[in-house]
C-alpha atoms as a PDB file:
ATOM      1  CA  MET A   1       0.000   0.000   0.000  1.00  0.00           C
ATOM      2  CA  ARG A   2       2.829   2.367   0.818  1.00  0.00           C
ATOM      3  CA  ALA A   3       4.476   1.675  -2.515  1.00  0.00           C
ATOM      4  CA  GLU A   4       1.182   2.399  -4.283  1.00  0.00           C
ATOM      5  CA  LEU A   5       0.744   5.658  -2.395  1.00  0.00           C
ATOM      6  CA  GLY A   6       4.320   6.669  -3.069  1.00  0.00           C
ATOM      7  CA  GLN A   7       3.908   6.104  -6.787  1.00  0.00           C
ATOM      8  CA  ALA A   8       0.612   8.016  -6.922  1.00  0.00           C
ATOM      9  CA  LEU A   9       2.069  11.050  -5.188  1.00  0.00           C
ATOM     10  CA  ARG A  10       5.633  10.859  -6.483  1.00  0.00           C
ATOM     11  CA  GLY A  11       5.278  14.259  -8.123  1.00  0.00           C
ATOM     12  CA  LEU A  12       5.064  15.925  -4.740  1.00  0.00           C
ATOM     13  CA  LEU A  13       8.448  14.588  -3.714  1.00  0.00           C
ATOM     14  CA  LEU A  14       9.995  15.994  -6.878  1.00  0.00           C
ATOM     15  CA  LEU A  15       9.202  19.440  -5.489  1.00  0.00           C
ATOM     16  CA  SER A  16      11.736  18.858  -2.759  1.00  0.00           C
ATOM     17  CA  ALA A  17      14.975  20.250  -4.108  1.00  0.00           C
ATOM     18  CA  ARG A  18      16.996  19.373  -1.057  1.00  0.00           C
ATOM     19  CA  SER A  19      17.485  16.266   1.057  1.00  0.00           C
ATOM     20  CA  CYS A  20      19.998  15.067   3.617  1.00  0.00           C
ATOM     21  CA  SER A  21      20.860  11.990   5.675  1.00  0.00           C
ATOM     22  CA  CYS A  22      20.507  12.661   9.384  1.00  0.00           C
ATOM     23  CA  SER A  23      21.622  10.429  12.239  1.00  0.00           C
ATOM     24  CA  GLY A  24      18.961   8.683  14.234  1.00  0.00           C
ATOM     25  CA  ALA A  25      18.252   4.973  13.679  1.00  0.00           C
ATOM     26  CA  GLY A  26      19.710   5.360  10.196  1.00  0.00           C
ATOM     27  CA  ARG A  27      16.564   6.962   8.875  1.00  0.00           C
ATOM     28  CA  ARG A  28      16.674   9.363   5.967  1.00  0.00           C
ATOM     29  CA  ARG A  29      14.878  12.641   6.638  1.00  0.00           C
ATOM     30  CA  TRP A  30      13.805  15.088   3.956  1.00  0.00           C
ATOM     31  CA  LEU A  31      14.183  18.788   4.369  1.00  0.00           C
ATOM     32  CA  VAL A  32      10.978  20.649   3.539  1.00  0.00           C
ATOM     33  CA  PRO A  33      11.416  23.017   0.577  1.00  0.00           C
ATOM     34  CA  PRO A  34      10.448  26.675   0.700  1.00  0.00           C
ATOM     35  CA  LEU A  35       6.718  27.292   0.470  1.00  0.00           C
ATOM     36  CA  PRO A  36       5.493  27.177  -3.150  1.00  0.00           C
ATOM     37  CA  ARG A  37       4.468  30.454  -4.739  1.00  0.00           C
ATOM     38  CA  CYS A  38       1.400  29.332  -6.695  1.00  0.00           C
ATOM     39  CA  SER A  39       3.430  28.083  -9.630  1.00  0.00           C
ATOM     40  CA  TRP A  40       1.003  25.165  -9.661  1.00  0.00           C
ATOM     41  CA  LEU A  41      -2.045  27.414  -9.672  1.00  0.00           C
ATOM     42  CA  SER A  42      -3.714  27.756 -13.052  1.00  0.00           C
ATOM     43  CA  THR A  43      -6.057  30.489 -14.189  1.00  0.00           C
ATOM     44  CA  MET A  44      -8.313  32.144 -11.645  1.00  0.00           C
ATOM     45  CA  ALA A  45     -11.356  31.302 -13.761  1.00  0.00           C
ATOM     46  CA  GLN A  46     -10.776  27.633 -12.959  1.00  0.00           C
ATOM     47  CA  CYS A  47     -10.836  28.121  -9.206  1.00  0.00           C
ATOM     48  CA  SER A  48     -13.930  26.975  -7.367  1.00  0.00           C
ATOM     49  CA  THR A  49     -15.413  27.187  -3.888  1.00  0.00           C
ATOM     50  CA  GLU A  50     -16.931  24.599  -1.588  1.00  0.00           C
ATOM     51  CA  GLN A  51     -19.479  25.521   1.046  1.00  0.00           C
ATOM     52  CA  ARG A  52     -19.523  23.881   4.459  1.00  0.00           C
ATOM     53  CA  GLY A  53     -22.275  24.527   6.978  1.00  0.00           C
ATOM     54  CA  ARG A  54     -25.374  26.680   6.754  1.00  0.00           C
ATOM     55  CA  PRO A  55     -25.072  30.361   5.758  1.00  0.00           C
ATOM     56  CA  HIS A  56     -25.611  32.792   8.629  1.00  0.00           C
ATOM     57  CA  SER A  57     -24.405  30.213  11.143  1.00  0.00           C
ATOM     58  CA  PRO A  58     -21.169  30.055  13.182  1.00  0.00           C
ATOM     59  CA  GLU A  59     -20.208  26.858  11.344  1.00  0.00           C
ATOM     60  CA  TYR A  60     -20.428  28.293   7.830  1.00  0.00           C
ATOM     61  CA  ARG A  61     -17.185  28.151   5.823  1.00  0.00           C
ATOM     62  CA  LEU A  62     -16.401  28.769   2.162  1.00  0.00           C
ATOM     63  CA  TYR A  63     -13.287  26.881   1.057  1.00  0.00           C
ATOM     64  CA  PHE A  64     -11.315  27.458  -2.142  1.00  0.00           C
ATOM     65  CA  LYS A  65     -10.029  24.884  -4.640  1.00  0.00           C
ATOM     66  CA  ASN A  66      -7.676  25.174  -7.580  1.00  0.00           C
ATOM     67  CA  ALA A  67      -8.195  23.712 -11.061  1.00  0.00           C
ATOM     68  CA  GLU A  68      -6.933  20.328  -9.869  1.00  0.00           C
ATOM     69  CA  GLY A  69      -9.553  20.184  -7.126  1.00  0.00           C
ATOM     70  CA  LYS A  70      -7.047  20.717  -4.326  1.00  0.00           C
ATOM     71  CA  TYR A  71      -7.840  23.036  -1.472  1.00  0.00           C
ATOM     72  CA  ILE A  72      -5.956  26.341  -1.495  1.00  0.00           C
ATOM     73  CA  SER A  73      -5.746  29.405   0.702  1.00  0.00           C
ATOM     74  CA  PRO A  74      -7.277  32.621  -0.675  1.00  0.00           C
ATOM     75  CA  PHE A  75      -4.858  34.483   1.586  1.00  0.00           C
ATOM     76  CA  HIS A  76      -1.606  32.820   0.496  1.00  0.00           C
ATOM     77  CA  ASP A  77      -2.094  30.755  -2.671  1.00  0.00           C
ATOM     78  CA  ILE A  78      -3.813  33.176  -5.057  1.00  0.00           C
ATOM     79  CA  PRO A  79      -1.297  35.497  -6.754  1.00  0.00           C
ATOM     80  CA  LEU A  80      -1.522  39.196  -6.007  1.00  0.00           C
ATOM     81  CA  LEU A  81      -0.978  40.163  -9.647  1.00  0.00           C
ATOM     82  CA  ALA A  82      -3.590  38.967 -12.120  1.00  0.00           C
ATOM     83  CA  GLY A  83      -2.242  36.638 -14.784  1.00  0.00           C
ATOM     84  CA  SER A  84       0.758  35.756 -12.634  1.00  0.00           C
ATOM     85  CA  LYS A  85       1.665  32.212 -11.657  1.00  0.00           C
ATOM     86  CA  GLU A  86       4.719  33.290  -9.741  1.00  0.00           C
ATOM     87  CA  ASP A  87       5.647  35.934  -7.234  1.00  0.00           C
ATOM     88  CA  LYS A  88       6.637  39.041  -9.149  1.00  0.00           C
ATOM     89  CA  GLU A  89       7.529  42.524  -8.079  1.00  0.00           C
ATOM     90  CA  VAL A  90       4.610  44.929  -8.058  1.00  0.00           C
ATOM     91  CA  PRO A  91       5.267  47.680 -10.618  1.00  0.00           C
ATOM     92  CA  VAL A  92       5.198  51.189  -9.207  1.00  0.00           C
ATOM     93  CA  LYS A  93       3.550  52.861 -12.202  1.00  0.00           C
ATOM     94  CA  ARG A  94       1.888  51.931 -15.467  1.00  0.00           C
ATOM     95  CA  SER A  95       0.449  54.140 -18.167  1.00  0.00           C
ATOM     96  CA  LYS A  96      -3.310  54.655 -17.927  1.00  0.00           C
ATOM     97  CA  THR A  97      -3.667  55.354 -21.624  1.00  0.00           C
ATOM     98  CA  ASN A  98      -2.102  52.381 -23.375  1.00  0.00           C
ATOM     99  CA  GLY A  99      -4.039  49.559 -21.740  1.00  0.00           C
ATOM    100  CA  SER A 100      -1.115  48.302 -19.652  1.00  0.00           C
ATOM    101  CA  GLU A 101      -2.453  49.200 -16.229  1.00  0.00           C
ATOM    102  CA  VAL A 102      -1.480  47.058 -13.252  1.00  0.00           C
ATOM    103  CA  VAL A 103      -4.232  44.505 -12.629  1.00  0.00           C
ATOM    104  CA  PHE A 104      -4.660  42.733  -9.296  1.00  0.00           C
ATOM    105  CA  ASN A 105      -6.645  39.729  -8.121  1.00  0.00           C
ATOM    106  CA  MET A 106      -9.347  40.513  -5.592  1.00  0.00           C
ATOM    107  CA  VAL A 107     -11.075  37.937  -3.396  1.00  0.00           C
ATOM    108  CA  VAL A 108     -14.698  38.985  -2.906  1.00  0.00           C
ATOM    109  CA  GLU A 109     -15.846  38.475   0.680  1.00  0.00           C
ATOM    110  CA  VAL A 110     -19.049  40.545   0.805  1.00  0.00           C
ATOM    111  CA  PRO A 111     -21.456  41.339  -2.060  1.00  0.00           C
ATOM    112  CA  ARG A 112     -22.777  44.871  -2.407  1.00  0.00           C
ATOM    113  CA  TRP A 113     -26.041  45.591  -0.527  1.00  0.00           C
ATOM    114  CA  SER A 114     -25.568  42.676   1.902  1.00  0.00           C
ATOM    115  CA  ASN A 115     -25.080  43.028   5.681  1.00  0.00           C
ATOM    116  CA  ALA A 116     -23.314  39.879   6.917  1.00  0.00           C
ATOM    117  CA  LYS A 117     -19.701  40.693   7.822  1.00  0.00           C
ATOM    118  CA  MET A 118     -17.836  37.969   5.948  1.00  0.00           C
ATOM    119  CA  GLU A 119     -14.050  37.727   5.992  1.00  0.00           C
ATOM    120  CA  ILE A 120     -11.086  35.509   5.215  1.00  0.00           C
ATOM    121  CA  ALA A 121     -10.387  33.479   8.347  1.00  0.00           C
ATOM    122  CA  THR A 122      -6.679  34.190   8.654  1.00  0.00           C
ATOM    123  CA  LYS A 123      -6.387  32.178  11.889  1.00  0.00           C
ATOM    124  CA  GLU A 124      -7.868  28.964  10.495  1.00  0.00           C
ATOM    125  CA  PRO A 125      -6.198  26.306   8.317  1.00  0.00           C
ATOM    126  CA  LEU A 126      -6.708  27.009   4.596  1.00  0.00           C
ATOM    127  CA  ASN A 127      -8.192  30.429   5.472  1.00  0.00           C
ATOM    128  CA  PRO A 128     -11.802  29.908   4.333  1.00  0.00           C
ATOM    129  CA  ILE A 129     -14.315  32.750   4.243  1.00  0.00           C
ATOM    130  CA  LYS A 130     -16.526  32.812   7.334  1.00  0.00           C
ATOM    131  CA  GLN A 131     -18.889  35.222   9.067  1.00  0.00           C
ATOM    132  CA  ASP A 132     -17.194  37.250  11.779  1.00  0.00           C
ATOM    133  CA  ILE A 133     -18.276  36.666  15.363  1.00  0.00           C
ATOM    134  CA  LYS A 134     -17.956  39.128  18.216  1.00  0.00           C
ATOM    135  CA  LYS A 135     -18.971  38.458  21.792  1.00  0.00           C
ATOM    136  CA  GLY A 136     -20.493  35.170  20.701  1.00  0.00           C
ATOM    137  CA  LYS A 137     -22.781  36.728  18.085  1.00  0.00           C
ATOM    138  CA  LEU A 138     -22.605  36.748  14.288  1.00  0.00           C
ATOM    139  CA  ARG A 139     -21.739  40.207  13.010  1.00  0.00           C
ATOM    140  CA  TYR A 140     -23.886  42.246  10.617  1.00  0.00           C
ATOM    141  CA  VAL A 141     -23.211  45.830   9.575  1.00  0.00           C
ATOM    142  CA  ALA A 142     -26.060  48.247  10.136  1.00  0.00           C
ATOM    143  CA  ASN A 143     -27.798  50.103   7.326  1.00  0.00           C
ATOM    144  CA  ILE A 144     -26.284  53.586   7.225  1.00  0.00           C
ATOM    145  CA  PHE A 145     -29.054  55.794   5.880  1.00  0.00           C
ATOM    146  CA  PRO A 146     -29.816  55.972   2.993  1.00  0.00           C
ATOM    147  CA  HIS A 147     -27.743  52.877   2.132  1.00  0.00           C
ATOM    148  CA  LYS A 148     -28.427  49.147   2.441  1.00  0.00           C
ATOM    149  CA  GLY A 149     -25.501  47.163   3.847  1.00  0.00           C
ATOM    150  CA  TYR A 150     -22.132  47.432   2.156  1.00  0.00           C
ATOM    151  CA  ILE A 151     -22.183  49.984  -0.670  1.00  0.00           C
ATOM    152  CA  TRP A 152     -19.520  48.230  -2.788  1.00  0.00           C
ATOM    153  CA  ASN A 153     -18.342  44.694  -3.378  1.00  0.00           C
ATOM    154  CA  TYR A 154     -15.976  44.273  -0.451  1.00  0.00           C
ATOM    155  CA  GLY A 155     -12.994  41.975  -0.223  1.00  0.00           C
ATOM    156  CA  ALA A 156      -9.236  41.708  -0.001  1.00  0.00           C
ATOM    157  CA  LEU A 157      -6.065  41.487  -2.068  1.00  0.00           C
ATOM    158  CA  PRO A 158      -4.344  38.101  -1.627  1.00  0.00           C
ATOM    159  CA  GLN A 159      -0.705  37.906  -0.583  1.00  0.00           C
ATOM    160  CA  THR A 160      -0.881  41.175   1.361  1.00  0.00           C
ATOM    161  CA  TRP A 161      -0.736  41.736   5.109  1.00  0.00           C
ATOM    162  CA  GLU A 162      -1.067  44.834   7.278  1.00  0.00           C
ATOM    163  CA  ASP A 163       1.647  44.166   9.851  1.00  0.00           C
ATOM    164  CA  PRO A 164       0.376  44.844  13.395  1.00  0.00           C
ATOM    165  CA  HIS A 165       3.974  45.403  14.535  1.00  0.00           C
ATOM    166  CA  HIS A 166       4.796  48.081  11.958  1.00  0.00           C
ATOM    167  CA  LYS A 167       3.840  51.685  12.684  1.00  0.00           C
ATOM    168  CA  ASP A 168       3.004  53.486   9.461  1.00  0.00           C
ATOM    169  CA  LYS A 169       4.898  56.744   9.040  1.00  0.00           C
ATOM    170  CA  ASP A 170       1.846  58.536   7.601  1.00  0.00           C
ATOM    171  CA  THR A 171      -0.879  57.307   9.938  1.00  0.00           C
ATOM    172  CA  GLY A 172       1.165  56.840  13.112  1.00  0.00           C
ATOM    173  CA  CYS A 173      -0.663  53.545  13.759  1.00  0.00           C
ATOM    174  CA  CYS A 174       0.162  49.880  13.263  1.00  0.00           C
ATOM    175  CA  GLY A 175      -1.591  47.570  10.815  1.00  0.00           C
ATOM    176  CA  ASP A 176      -4.766  45.626  11.583  1.00  0.00           C
ATOM    177  CA  ASN A 177      -3.282  42.121  11.064  1.00  0.00           C
ATOM    178  CA  ASP A 178      -5.376  41.364   7.949  1.00  0.00           C
ATOM    179  CA  PRO A 179      -4.964  41.345   4.162  1.00  0.00           C
ATOM    180  CA  ILE A 180      -5.532  44.793   2.693  1.00  0.00           C
ATOM    181  CA  ASP A 181      -9.222  45.612   2.087  1.00  0.00           C
ATOM    182  CA  VAL A 182     -10.735  46.508  -1.287  1.00  0.00           C
ATOM    183  CA  CYS A 183     -13.915  48.394  -2.177  1.00  0.00           C
ATOM    184  CA  GLU A 184     -14.859  47.440  -5.751  1.00  0.00           C
ATOM    185  CA  ILE A 185     -17.102  50.161  -7.182  1.00  0.00           C
ATOM    186  CA  GLY A 186     -18.265  48.541 -10.428  1.00  0.00           C
ATOM    187  CA  THR A 187     -21.883  48.036 -11.432  1.00  0.00           C
ATOM    188  CA  LYS A 188     -22.123  44.248 -10.956  1.00  0.00           C
ATOM    189  CA  VAL A 189     -22.983  42.614  -7.635  1.00  0.00           C
ATOM    190  CA  HIS A 190     -20.406  39.861  -7.136  1.00  0.00           C
ATOM    191  CA  SER A 191     -20.694  36.707  -5.035  1.00  0.00           C
ATOM    192  CA  PRO A 192     -18.645  35.642  -2.001  1.00  0.00           C
ATOM    193  CA  GLY A 193     -15.578  33.692  -3.069  1.00  0.00           C
ATOM    194  CA  GLU A 194     -15.376  35.191  -6.559  1.00  0.00           C
ATOM    195  CA  ILE A 195     -11.866  36.052  -7.685  1.00  0.00           C
ATOM    196  CA  ILE A 196     -12.098  39.105  -9.912  1.00  0.00           C
ATOM    197  CA  GLN A 197      -9.450  41.172 -11.647  1.00  0.00           C
ATOM    198  CA  VAL A 198      -9.418  44.814 -10.637  1.00  0.00           C
ATOM    199  CA  LYS A 199      -7.447  47.940 -11.392  1.00  0.00           C
ATOM    200  CA  VAL A 200      -6.605  50.150  -8.457  1.00  0.00           C
ATOM    201  CA  LEU A 201      -7.862  53.743  -8.444  1.00  0.00           C
ATOM    202  CA  GLY A 202      -6.901  55.115  -5.037  1.00  0.00           C
ATOM    203  CA  VAL A 203      -6.881  54.509  -1.305  1.00  0.00           C
ATOM    204  CA  MET A 204      -8.096  55.978   1.967  1.00  0.00           C
ATOM    205  CA  ALA A 205      -6.571  55.454   5.411  1.00  0.00           C
ATOM    206  CA  LEU A 206      -9.151  54.500   8.019  1.00  0.00           C
ATOM    207  CA  ILE A 207      -8.063  54.565  11.652  1.00  0.00           C
ATOM    208  CA  ASP A 208     -10.178  51.815  13.191  1.00  0.00           C
ATOM    209  CA  GLU A 209      -9.884  51.500  16.962  1.00  0.00           C
ATOM    210  CA  GLY A 210      -6.290  52.739  16.839  1.00  0.00           C
ATOM    211  CA  GLU A 211      -5.183  50.567  13.900  1.00  0.00           C
ATOM    212  CA  THR A 212      -4.331  51.495  10.324  1.00  0.00           C
ATOM    213  CA  ASP A 213      -6.920  49.934   8.028  1.00  0.00           C
ATOM    214  CA  TRP A 214      -6.226  50.860   4.406  1.00  0.00           C
ATOM    215  CA  LYS A 215      -9.210  50.800   2.043  1.00  0.00           C
ATOM    216  CA  ILE A 216      -8.266  50.337  -1.601  1.00  0.00           C
ATOM    217  CA  ILE A 217     -10.703  51.794  -4.137  1.00  0.00           C
ATOM    218  CA  ALA A 218     -10.799  49.649  -7.281  1.00  0.00           C
ATOM    219  CA  ILE A 219     -12.976  48.675 -10.229  1.00  0.00           C
ATOM    220  CA  SER A 220     -13.330  45.367 -12.046  1.00  0.00           C
ATOM    221  CA  VAL A 221     -11.552  45.389 -15.398  1.00  0.00           C
ATOM    222  CA  ASP A 222     -14.697  43.845 -16.898  1.00  0.00           C
ATOM    223  CA  ASP A 223     -16.967  46.637 -15.729  1.00  0.00           C
ATOM    224  CA  PRO A 224     -18.483  48.781 -18.509  1.00  0.00           C
ATOM    225  CA  GLU A 225     -17.140  51.931 -16.851  1.00  0.00           C
ATOM    226  CA  ALA A 226     -13.607  50.605 -16.398  1.00  0.00           C
ATOM    227  CA  GLN A 227     -12.463  52.046 -19.726  1.00  0.00           C
ATOM    228  CA  LYS A 228     -13.111  55.590 -18.550  1.00  0.00           C
ATOM    229  CA  ILE A 229     -12.137  55.321 -14.866  1.00  0.00           C
ATOM    230  CA  HIS A 230      -8.377  55.130 -14.304  1.00  0.00           C
ATOM    231  CA  ASP A 231      -7.641  57.140 -11.147  1.00  0.00           C
ATOM    232  CA  ILE A 232      -9.359  58.631  -8.115  1.00  0.00           C
ATOM    233  CA  ASP A 233     -10.206  61.866  -9.942  1.00  0.00           C
ATOM    234  CA  ASP A 234     -12.082  59.839 -12.562  1.00  0.00           C
ATOM    235  CA  VAL A 235     -14.252  58.384  -9.793  1.00  0.00           C
ATOM    236  CA  LYS A 236     -15.172  61.903  -8.713  1.00  0.00           C
ATOM    237  CA  LYS A 237     -16.069  62.776 -12.290  1.00  0.00           C
ATOM    238  CA  HIS A 238     -17.998  59.690 -13.380  1.00  0.00           C
ATOM    239  CA  LYS A 239     -19.449  58.585 -10.031  1.00  0.00           C
ATOM    240  CA  PRO A 240     -20.137  61.860  -8.229  1.00  0.00           C
ATOM    241  CA  GLY A 241     -20.882  61.421  -4.539  1.00  0.00           C
ATOM    242  CA  TYR A 242     -19.562  57.853  -4.334  1.00  0.00           C
ATOM    243  CA  LEU A 243     -16.339  58.733  -2.514  1.00  0.00           C
ATOM    244  CA  GLU A 244     -18.175  61.032  -0.125  1.00  0.00           C
ATOM    245  CA  ALA A 245     -20.642  58.228   0.618  1.00  0.00           C
ATOM    246  CA  THR A 246     -17.733  55.834   1.165  1.00  0.00           C
ATOM    247  CA  ALA A 247     -16.089  58.115   3.710  1.00  0.00           C
ATOM    248  CA  GLU A 248     -19.411  58.677   5.465  1.00  0.00           C
ATOM    249  CA  TRP A 249     -20.102  54.942   5.602  1.00  0.00           C
ATOM    250  CA  PHE A 250     -16.741  54.082   7.153  1.00  0.00           C
ATOM    251  CA  ARG A 251     -17.031  56.959   9.607  1.00  0.00           C
ATOM    252  CA  LEU A 252     -20.429  55.851  10.920  1.00  0.00           C
ATOM    253  CA  TYR A 253     -20.792  52.104  10.439  1.00  0.00           C
ATOM    254  CA  LYS A 254     -19.840  51.205  14.023  1.00  0.00           C
ATOM    255  CA  VAL A 255     -21.936  53.919  15.693  1.00  0.00           C
ATOM    256  CA  PRO A 256     -25.081  51.704  15.822  1.00  0.00           C
ATOM    257  CA  ASP A 257     -22.982  49.268  17.902  1.00  0.00           C
ATOM    258  CA  ASP A 258     -22.417  51.971  20.525  1.00  0.00           C
ATOM    259  CA  LYS A 259     -18.902  52.716  19.324  1.00  0.00           C
ATOM    260  CA  PRO A 260     -17.431  56.129  18.492  1.00  0.00           C
ATOM    261  CA  GLU A 261     -17.068  57.396  14.943  1.00  0.00           C
ATOM    262  CA  ASN A 262     -14.006  56.194  13.083  1.00  0.00           C
ATOM    263  CA  GLN A 263     -11.245  58.612  12.181  1.00  0.00           C
ATOM    264  CA  PHE A 264      -9.103  58.973   9.056  1.00  0.00           C
ATOM    265  CA  ALA A 265      -5.533  59.879   8.247  1.00  0.00           C
ATOM    266  CA  PHE A 266      -4.889  62.684   5.728  1.00  0.00           C
ATOM    267  CA  ASN A 267      -8.049  64.439   7.008  1.00  0.00           C
ATOM    268  CA  GLY A 268     -10.127  61.881   5.162  1.00  0.00           C
ATOM    269  CA  GLU A 269      -8.540  62.642   1.779  1.00  0.00           C
ATOM    270  CA  PHE A 270      -8.482  59.868  -0.830  1.00  0.00           C
ATOM    271  CA  LYS A 271      -4.973  59.360  -2.171  1.00  0.00           C
ATOM    272  CA  ASP A 272      -4.367  58.608  -5.850  1.00  0.00           C
ATOM    273  CA  LYS A 273      -3.539  55.384  -7.689  1.00  0.00           C
ATOM    274  CA  ASP A 274       0.244  55.716  -7.469  1.00  0.00           C
ATOM    275  CA  PHE A 275       0.047  56.166  -3.705  1.00  0.00           C
ATOM    276  CA  ALA A 276      -2.295  53.176  -3.456  1.00  0.00           C
ATOM    277  CA  VAL A 277       0.031  50.914  -5.452  1.00  0.00           C
ATOM    278  CA  GLU A 278       2.898  51.839  -3.134  1.00  0.00           C
ATOM    279  CA  ILE A 279       0.755  50.830  -0.140  1.00  0.00           C
ATOM    280  CA  ILE A 280      -0.088  47.528  -1.821  1.00  0.00           C
ATOM    281  CA  LYS A 281       3.582  46.959  -2.567  1.00  0.00           C
ATOM    282  CA  SER A 282       4.526  47.496   1.079  1.00  0.00           C
ATOM    283  CA  THR A 283       1.804  45.151   2.381  1.00  0.00           C
ATOM    284  CA  HIS A 284       2.973  42.530  -0.108  1.00  0.00           C
ATOM    285  CA  GLU A 285       6.480  42.823   1.344  1.00  0.00           C
ATOM    286  CA  TYR A 286       5.065  42.406   4.870  1.00  0.00           C
ATOM    287  CA  TRP A 287       3.271  39.269   3.651  1.00  0.00           C
ATOM    288  CA  LYS A 288       6.559  37.911   2.285  1.00  0.00           C
ATOM    289  CA  ALA A 289       8.192  38.516   5.649  1.00  0.00           C
ATOM    290  CA  LEU A 290       5.296  36.713   7.332  1.00  0.00           C
ATOM    291  CA  LEU A 291       5.665  33.738   5.023  1.00  0.00           C
ATOM    292  CA  HIS A 292       9.428  33.499   5.592  1.00  0.00           C
ATOM    293  CA  LYS A 293       9.036  33.822   9.360  1.00  0.00           C
ATOM    294  CA  LYS A 294      10.737  37.209   9.403  1.00  0.00           C
ATOM    295  CA  ALA A 295       7.648  38.669  11.079  1.00  0.00           C
ATOM    296  CA  ASP A 296       5.648  37.466  14.058  1.00  0.00           C
ATOM    297  CA  PRO A 297       2.615  35.592  12.661  1.00  0.00           C
ATOM    298  CA  GLY A 298       0.764  35.438  15.948  1.00  0.00           C
ATOM    299  CA  ALA A 299      -2.245  33.165  15.400  1.00  0.00           C
ATOM    300  CA  ILE A 300      -2.224  33.505  11.595  1.00  0.00           C
ATOM    301  CA  LYS A 301      -2.254  30.226   9.681  1.00  0.00           C
ATOM    302  CA  TRP A 302       0.144  30.348   6.741  1.00  0.00           C
ATOM    303  CA  HIS A 303       0.538  26.676   5.767  1.00  0.00           C
ATOM    304  CA  HIS A 304       0.065  25.865   2.094  1.00  0.00           C
ATOM    305  CA  LEU A 305      -1.700  22.557   1.566  1.00  0.00           C
ATOM    306  CA  LEU A 306       1.018  21.387  -0.815  1.00  0.00           C
ATOM    307  CA  ARG A 307       3.614  21.790   1.927  1.00  0.00           C
ATOM    308  CA  VAL A 308       1.503  19.719   4.294  1.00  0.00           C
ATOM    309  CA  GLU A 309       1.060  16.984   1.677  1.00  0.00           C
ATOM    310  CA  ILE A 310       4.859  16.758   1.391  1.00  0.00           C
ATOM    311  CA  LEU A 311       5.081  16.402   5.172  1.00  0.00           C
ATOM    312  CA  PHE A 312       2.418  13.687   4.997  1.00  0.00           C
ATOM    313  CA  LEU A 313       4.547  11.721   2.511  1.00  0.00           C
ATOM    314  CA  GLN A 314       7.601  12.198   4.667  1.00  0.00           C
ATOM    315  CA  LYS A 315       5.791  10.625   7.605  1.00  0.00           C
ATOM    316  CA  LEU A 316       4.760   7.609   5.551  1.00  0.00           C
ATOM    317  CA  MET A 317       8.030   7.058   3.716  1.00  0.00           C
ATOM    318  CA  CYS A 318      10.686   8.390   6.087  1.00  0.00           C
ATOM    319  CA  GLY A 319       9.261   7.853   9.536  1.00  0.00           C
ATOM    320  CA  THR A 320       9.043  11.528  10.503  1.00  0.00           C
ATOM    321  CA  PHE A 321       6.079  12.891  12.410  1.00  0.00           C
ATOM    322  CA  LEU A 322       3.603  15.722  11.915  1.00  0.00           C
ATOM    323  CA  THR A 323       2.692  18.353  14.465  1.00  0.00           C
ATOM    324  CA  SER A 324      -0.887  18.675  15.693  1.00  0.00           C
ATOM    325  CA  ASP A 325      -1.159  21.871  13.634  1.00  0.00           C
ATOM    326  CA  HIS A 326      -0.303  19.959  10.447  1.00  0.00           C
ATOM    327  CA  ARG A 327      -2.835  17.262  11.354  1.00  0.00           C
ATOM    328  CA  ASN A 328      -5.554  19.913  11.643  1.00  0.00           C
ATOM    329  CA  VAL A 329      -4.764  21.152   8.149  1.00  0.00           C
ATOM    330  CA  LEU A 330      -4.799  17.619   6.763  1.00  0.00           C
ATOM    331  CA  LYS A 331      -8.233  17.007   8.235  1.00  0.00           C
ATOM    332  CA  SER A 332      -9.525  19.785   5.994  1.00  0.00           C
ATOM    333  CA  HIS A 333      -8.482  17.829   2.908  1.00  0.00           C
ATOM    334  CA  HIS A 334     -10.935  15.030   2.119  1.00  0.00           C
ATOM    335  CA  GLN A 335      -8.555  13.168  -0.208  1.00  0.00           C
ATOM    336  CA  ILE A 336      -6.185  12.580   2.711  1.00  0.00           C
ATOM    337  CA  LEU A 337      -8.951  12.248   5.296  1.00  0.00           C
ATOM    338  CA  ASN A 338     -10.364   9.261   3.385  1.00  0.00           C
ATOM    339  CA  HIS A 339      -6.996   7.610   2.859  1.00  0.00           C
ATOM    340  CA  PRO A 340      -6.546   4.353   4.857  1.00  0.00           C
ATOM    341  CA  PHE A 341      -3.300   5.636   6.397  1.00  0.00           C
ATOM    342  CA  PHE A 342      -4.946   8.722   7.931  1.00  0.00           C
ATOM    343  CA  PRO A 343      -6.106   6.979  11.164  1.00  0.00           C
ATOM    344  CA  GLU A 344      -2.452   6.232  11.973  1.00  0.00           C
ATOM    345  CA  PHE A 345      -1.912   9.946  12.589  1.00  0.00           C
END
């Protein structure tokens, strides 16, 4: 059985570029390679989601799968840059007139006009989307008159992280320990778990309970208005009142929960696209540091499933053992859960 399993999953071992012989009962131990950077991830259109639990319940989770049907993390495994299969540097500037604008992947967490506060669960294995809970209750945002729920499609940029240990020089506050947030202002109402390609238009700096919480303003590249909206000034021209409504919404949305109004850096001014791309670039660098253990992850789960599968093979073929944290990740993967060797863990 072990030989059969080894042959079926031999490709995973080929990913290990390094090995060594270590003392200890003469067993050969494999060194785990650096975490993969989505080189195995195909086009975003081929990604899918899998729902677990009932919506609007504490158990609800929305998991992500790649084109091969393997579970992936929307936080770590989806490339930041659209069309990229590898980690590439984020360009500082691109022309807005020749069609070569920088395009990013956005993970949609909350559809426009809905109230349930959905978010990527950064502290859970595989980082599914779940509904936030506070004080034992599911969270819903209030309707801020005259609006219904969220006034944009709301989500996050993958492979970014607002470092809670880094004090921003402009805001004077540390990050909020999450991927950077995105407000997508296009005309279509998107669904939770959609991965859409967006171009960045600007950014505002919300100060939320003493933390820096950047809000990227973006529009889907497929939106009918995307061809005429390239920067924050274009939003003011073609969607008059939208930015003012956005600032008002973020200022007031916690007041119905008996909390004070939120504050903003830059006196509430929206910064332009170039400034926003620089912020994205810095949060991408913080994410890299998190992934390479150069930053304190706290309770954040950063394991890629592929890495855990390699560890699983090592246990079977080399006699090494998995930590309880790795076992929890494996239990999220039904292919391994149903394998006859799983009970031995």
